[in-house]
Amino acid sequence: SLLLLPAVPLDQNLTFDLSLTEWLCILYLATFATVGAYHFFMKGLESVSPTVSSIILPIEVIVAVFLSVLLFHDPFNFYSGTGALLIVTGVALVSSSA
């Protein structure tokens, strides 16, 4: 998102008229949801081997798609299914050789 900052003046309707609650929500998202998530993600990666992390990381994408379909009723189409199949195939290939 920082790379998009130079494009901000191109927006004609740019206003920062936000209430205190909205600024606190933005601060919360920046601190806990972003920095905190990356911190705990990296701490988790430190405790597992590279082989295990190479198996777990692609599965996270499938879990995220599954949760978006389940919770937000996003469509699960041919491309989502093909991607999930390719991820599962890749994980199976990596785990069988290990």
N, C-alpha and C. Protein backbone atom coordinates (compact mmCIF):
# COMPACT_ATOMS: atom_id res chain seq x y z
N SER A 1 0.81 -1.20 0.00
CA SER A 1 0.00 0.00 0.00
C SER A 1 0.85 1.26 0.00
N LEU A 2 2.05 1.17 0.55
CA LEU A 2 2.92 2.35 0.55
C LEU A 2 3.38 2.71 -0.86
N LEU A 3 3.46 1.74 -1.74
CA LEU A 3 3.85 2.01 -3.12
C LEU A 3 2.77 2.78 -3.87
N LEU A 4 1.55 2.73 -3.39
CA LEU A 4 0.45 3.45 -4.03
C LEU A 4 0.31 4.89 -3.57
N LEU A 5 1.07 5.30 -2.57
CA LEU A 5 0.97 6.67 -2.06
C LEU A 5 1.19 7.75 -3.12
N PRO A 6 2.11 7.60 -4.07
CA PRO A 6 2.25 8.64 -5.10
C PRO A 6 1.00 8.81 -5.97
N ALA A 7 0.15 7.80 -6.04
CA ALA A 7 -1.06 7.89 -6.84
C ALA A 7 -2.21 8.55 -6.09
N VAL A 8 -2.06 8.83 -4.81
CA VAL A 8 -3.13 9.42 -4.02
C VAL A 8 -3.58 10.78 -4.55
N PRO A 9 -2.67 11.69 -4.94
CA PRO A 9 -3.15 12.99 -5.45
C PRO A 9 -3.96 12.88 -6.74
N LEU A 10 -3.93 11.76 -7.42
CA LEU A 10 -4.70 11.59 -8.65
C LEU A 10 -6.19 11.45 -8.37
N ASP A 11 -6.54 11.12 -7.15
CA ASP A 11 -7.94 10.99 -6.79
C ASP A 11 -8.53 12.38 -6.58
N GLN A 12 -9.65 12.66 -7.23
CA GLN A 12 -10.26 13.98 -7.16
C GLN A 12 -11.05 14.19 -5.86
N ASN A 13 -11.54 13.12 -5.27
CA ASN A 13 -12.42 13.25 -4.10
C ASN A 13 -11.72 12.80 -2.82
N LEU A 14 -10.47 13.13 -2.66
CA LEU A 14 -9.72 12.70 -1.49
C LEU A 14 -10.04 13.58 -0.29
N THR A 15 -10.61 12.98 0.75
CA THR A 15 -10.89 13.70 1.98
C THR A 15 -10.46 12.84 3.16
N PHE A 16 -9.96 13.49 4.18
CA PHE A 16 -9.58 12.81 5.41
C PHE A 16 -10.47 13.27 6.56
N ASP A 17 -11.73 13.47 6.28
CA ASP A 17 -12.68 13.92 7.28
C ASP A 17 -13.22 12.71 8.03
N LEU A 18 -12.39 12.16 8.92
CA LEU A 18 -12.76 10.96 9.65
C LEU A 18 -12.95 11.29 11.12
N SER A 19 -13.87 10.57 11.73
CA SER A 19 -14.10 10.76 13.16
C SER A 19 -13.01 10.06 13.96
N LEU A 20 -13.00 10.31 15.25
CA LEU A 20 -12.02 9.69 16.13
C LEU A 20 -12.17 8.17 16.13
N THR A 21 -13.41 7.70 16.11
CA THR A 21 -13.65 6.26 16.08
C THR A 21 -13.07 5.63 14.82
N GLU A 22 -13.24 6.30 13.69
CA GLU A 22 -12.71 5.77 12.43
C GLU A 22 -11.18 5.74 12.44
N TRP A 23 -10.55 6.78 12.99
CA TRP A 23 -9.09 6.79 13.09
C TRP A 23 -8.61 5.69 14.03
N LEU A 24 -9.34 5.45 15.11
CA LEU A 24 -8.96 4.38 16.03
C LEU A 24 -9.11 3.01 15.37
N CYS A 25 -10.12 2.85 14.54
CA CYS A 25 -10.28 1.59 13.80
C CYS A 25 -9.12 1.37 12.84
N ILE A 26 -8.70 2.43 12.16
CA ILE A 26 -7.57 2.34 11.24
C ILE A 26 -6.30 2.00 12.02
N LEU A 27 -6.11 2.64 13.16
CA LEU A 27 -4.94 2.37 13.99
C LEU A 27 -4.95 0.93 14.50
N TYR A 28 -6.12 0.44 14.89
CA TYR A 28 -6.24 -0.95 15.34
C TYR A 28 -5.88 -1.91 14.21
N LEU A 29 -6.41 -1.66 13.02
CA LEU A 29 -6.11 -2.53 11.89
C LEU A 29 -4.63 -2.52 11.55
N ALA A 30 -4.02 -1.35 11.62
CA ALA A 30 -2.59 -1.25 11.29
C ALA A 30 -1.74 -1.97 12.32
N THR A 31 -2.12 -1.86 13.60
CA THR A 31 -1.26 -2.44 14.63
C THR A 31 -1.52 -3.92 14.84
N PHE A 32 -2.71 -4.26 15.20
CA PHE A 32 -2.97 -5.63 15.60
C PHE A 32 -3.22 -6.55 14.41
N ALA A 33 -4.06 -6.13 13.50
CA ALA A 33 -4.43 -7.02 12.40
C ALA A 33 -3.31 -7.18 11.39
N THR A 34 -2.44 -6.20 11.26
CA THR A 34 -1.37 -6.31 10.27
C THR A 34 -0.04 -6.67 10.93
N VAL A 35 0.46 -5.80 11.78
CA VAL A 35 1.76 -6.04 12.40
C VAL A 35 1.70 -7.25 13.33
N GLY A 36 0.65 -7.34 14.11
CA GLY A 36 0.51 -8.48 15.01
C GLY A 36 0.40 -9.80 14.28
N ALA A 37 -0.36 -9.82 13.19
CA ALA A 37 -0.51 -11.05 12.42
C ALA A 37 0.82 -11.48 11.81
N TYR A 38 1.56 -10.55 11.24
CA TYR A 38 2.87 -10.90 10.68
C TYR A 38 3.84 -11.34 11.76
N HIS A 39 3.79 -10.71 12.93
CA HIS A 39 4.67 -11.10 14.03
C HIS A 39 4.41 -12.55 14.43
N PHE A 40 3.15 -12.89 14.68
CA PHE A 40 2.84 -14.25 15.11
C PHE A 40 3.05 -15.26 13.99
N PHE A 41 2.86 -14.83 12.74
CA PHE A 41 3.13 -15.70 11.61
C PHE A 41 4.61 -16.07 11.56
N MET A 42 5.47 -15.08 11.72
CA MET A 42 6.91 -15.33 11.70
C MET A 42 7.35 -16.16 12.91
N LYS A 43 6.76 -15.90 14.07
CA LYS A 43 7.08 -16.70 15.26
C LYS A 43 6.67 -18.16 15.03
N GLY A 44 5.54 -18.36 14.38
CA GLY A 44 5.11 -19.72 14.08
C GLY A 44 6.03 -20.42 13.10
N LEU A 45 6.53 -19.67 12.12
CA LEU A 45 7.46 -20.27 11.16
C LEU A 45 8.79 -20.64 11.80
N GLU A 46 9.17 -19.93 12.85
CA GLU A 46 10.42 -20.26 13.55
C GLU A 46 10.33 -21.60 14.26
N SER A 47 9.13 -22.02 14.63
CA SER A 47 9.00 -23.23 15.42
C SER A 47 8.79 -24.49 14.59
N VAL A 48 8.67 -24.36 13.27
CA VAL A 48 8.50 -25.55 12.42
C VAL A 48 9.66 -25.63 11.43
N SER A 49 9.84 -26.81 10.90
CA SER A 49 10.93 -27.02 9.95
C SER A 49 10.54 -26.45 8.58
N PRO A 50 11.51 -26.18 7.72
CA PRO A 50 11.19 -25.68 6.38
C PRO A 50 10.31 -26.63 5.58
N THR A 51 10.47 -27.92 5.79
CA THR A 51 9.64 -28.90 5.07
C THR A 51 8.18 -28.77 5.48
N VAL A 52 7.96 -28.68 6.78
CA VAL A 52 6.58 -28.55 7.28
C VAL A 52 5.98 -27.23 6.82
N SER A 53 6.75 -26.16 6.87
CA SER A 53 6.20 -24.87 6.45
C SER A 53 5.90 -24.85 4.95
N SER A 54 6.69 -25.56 4.15
CA SER A 54 6.40 -25.62 2.71
C SER A 54 5.14 -26.41 2.43
N ILE A 55 4.72 -27.23 3.35
CA ILE A 55 3.46 -27.96 3.20
C ILE A 55 2.29 -27.14 3.75
N ILE A 56 2.51 -26.46 4.86
CA ILE A 56 1.43 -25.72 5.51
C ILE A 56 1.05 -24.45 4.75
N LEU A 57 2.03 -23.70 4.27
CA LEU A 57 1.75 -22.40 3.65
C LEU A 57 0.80 -22.47 2.46
N PRO A 58 0.95 -23.40 1.52
CA PRO A 58 -0.03 -23.44 0.42
C PRO A 58 -1.43 -23.86 0.87
N ILE A 59 -1.50 -24.67 1.93
CA ILE A 59 -2.81 -25.10 2.42
C ILE A 59 -3.58 -23.91 3.00
N GLU A 60 -2.88 -22.90 3.51
CA GLU A 60 -3.54 -21.71 4.04
C GLU A 60 -4.41 -21.03 2.98
N VAL A 61 -3.95 -21.05 1.74
CA VAL A 61 -4.72 -20.44 0.66
C VAL A 61 -6.04 -21.17 0.46
N ILE A 62 -6.00 -22.49 0.50
CA ILE A 62 -7.23 -23.28 0.34
C ILE A 62 -8.18 -23.02 1.51
N VAL A 63 -7.64 -22.94 2.71
CA VAL A 63 -8.48 -22.65 3.89
C VAL A 63 -9.11 -21.26 3.76
N ALA A 64 -8.35 -20.28 3.28
CA ALA A 64 -8.89 -18.92 3.11
C ALA A 64 -10.01 -18.91 2.07
N VAL A 65 -9.83 -19.62 0.97
CA VAL A 65 -10.89 -19.69 -0.05
C VAL A 65 -12.11 -20.40 0.51
N PHE A 66 -11.90 -21.50 1.22
CA PHE A 66 -13.01 -22.24 1.82
C PHE A 66 -13.79 -21.36 2.79
N LEU A 67 -13.08 -20.61 3.64
CA LEU A 67 -13.76 -19.73 4.59
C LEU A 67 -14.50 -18.59 3.89
N SER A 68 -13.94 -18.07 2.80
CA SER A 68 -14.64 -17.00 2.08
C SER A 68 -15.90 -17.52 1.42
N VAL A 69 -15.86 -18.76 0.94
CA VAL A 69 -17.07 -19.36 0.36
C VAL A 69 -18.10 -19.62 1.45
N LEU A 70 -17.64 -20.13 2.57
CA LEU A 70 -18.54 -20.49 3.66
C LEU A 70 -19.13 -19.27 4.37
N LEU A 71 -18.29 -18.31 4.70
CA LEU A 71 -18.73 -17.17 5.50
C LEU A 71 -19.30 -16.02 4.68
N PHE A 72 -18.69 -15.75 3.52
CA PHE A 72 -19.08 -14.58 2.74
C PHE A 72 -19.82 -14.93 1.46
N HIS A 73 -20.08 -16.23 1.25
CA HIS A 73 -20.83 -16.70 0.08
C HIS A 73 -20.17 -16.30 -1.24
N ASP A 74 -18.84 -16.28 -1.25
CA ASP A 74 -18.12 -16.04 -2.50
C ASP A 74 -18.31 -17.25 -3.42
N PRO A 75 -18.34 -17.02 -4.72
CA PRO A 75 -18.54 -18.16 -5.63
C PRO A 75 -17.29 -19.04 -5.70
N PHE A 76 -17.51 -20.32 -5.71
CA PHE A 76 -16.43 -21.29 -5.92
C PHE A 76 -16.59 -21.78 -7.34
N ASN A 77 -15.76 -21.26 -8.24
CA ASN A 77 -15.91 -21.57 -9.66
C ASN A 77 -14.82 -22.52 -10.13
N PHE A 78 -14.77 -22.70 -11.44
CA PHE A 78 -13.81 -23.62 -12.05
C PHE A 78 -12.37 -23.23 -11.71
N TYR A 79 -12.09 -21.94 -11.74
CA TYR A 79 -10.72 -21.48 -11.48
C TYR A 79 -10.32 -21.73 -10.02
N SER A 80 -11.24 -21.54 -9.10
CA SER A 80 -10.95 -21.82 -7.69
C SER A 80 -10.69 -23.30 -7.48
N GLY A 81 -11.52 -24.12 -8.11
CA GLY A 81 -11.33 -25.57 -7.99
C GLY A 81 -10.04 -26.04 -8.61
N THR A 82 -9.71 -25.48 -9.79
CA THR A 82 -8.45 -25.84 -10.44
C THR A 82 -7.26 -25.42 -9.60
N GLY A 83 -7.32 -24.22 -9.04
CA GLY A 83 -6.24 -23.75 -8.18
C GLY A 83 -6.07 -24.63 -6.95
N ALA A 84 -7.19 -24.99 -6.33
CA ALA A 84 -7.13 -25.86 -5.15
C ALA A 84 -6.55 -27.22 -5.51
N LEU A 85 -6.95 -27.75 -6.67
CA LEU A 85 -6.42 -29.04 -7.11
C LEU A 85 -4.92 -28.97 -7.37
N LEU A 86 -4.47 -27.89 -7.98
CA LEU A 86 -3.04 -27.72 -8.23
C LEU A 86 -2.25 -27.58 -6.93
N ILE A 87 -2.82 -26.87 -5.96
CA ILE A 87 -2.14 -26.72 -4.67
C ILE A 87 -2.05 -28.06 -3.95
N VAL A 88 -3.14 -28.80 -3.93
CA VAL A 88 -3.12 -30.11 -3.27
C VAL A 88 -2.15 -31.05 -3.97
N THR A 89 -2.11 -31.00 -5.31
CA THR A 89 -1.17 -31.84 -6.05
C THR A 89 0.27 -31.46 -5.73
N GLY A 90 0.55 -30.16 -5.67
CA GLY A 90 1.90 -29.71 -5.33
C GLY A 90 2.31 -30.12 -3.93
N VAL A 91 1.39 -29.99 -2.99
CA VAL A 91 1.69 -30.39 -1.61
C VAL A 91 1.91 -31.90 -1.54
N ALA A 92 1.12 -32.67 -2.29
CA ALA A 92 1.30 -34.12 -2.30
C ALA A 92 2.66 -34.49 -2.88
N LEU A 93 3.07 -33.80 -3.94
CA LEU A 93 4.38 -34.08 -4.54
C LEU A 93 5.52 -33.73 -3.58
N VAL A 94 5.40 -32.60 -2.91
CA VAL A 94 6.45 -32.19 -1.97
C VAL A 94 6.52 -33.12 -0.77
N SER A 95 5.37 -33.50 -0.24
CA SER A 95 5.37 -34.34 0.96
C SER A 95 5.75 -35.78 0.64
N SER A 96 5.50 -36.25 -0.58
CA SER A 96 5.87 -37.62 -0.90
C SER A 96 7.37 -37.77 -1.11
N SER A 97 8.02 -36.70 -1.55
CA SER A 97 9.47 -36.79 -1.76
C SER A 97 10.25 -36.54 -0.47
N ALA A 98 9.56 -36.03 0.55
CA ALA A 98 10.25 -35.72 1.81
C ALA A 98 10.29 -36.87 2.73
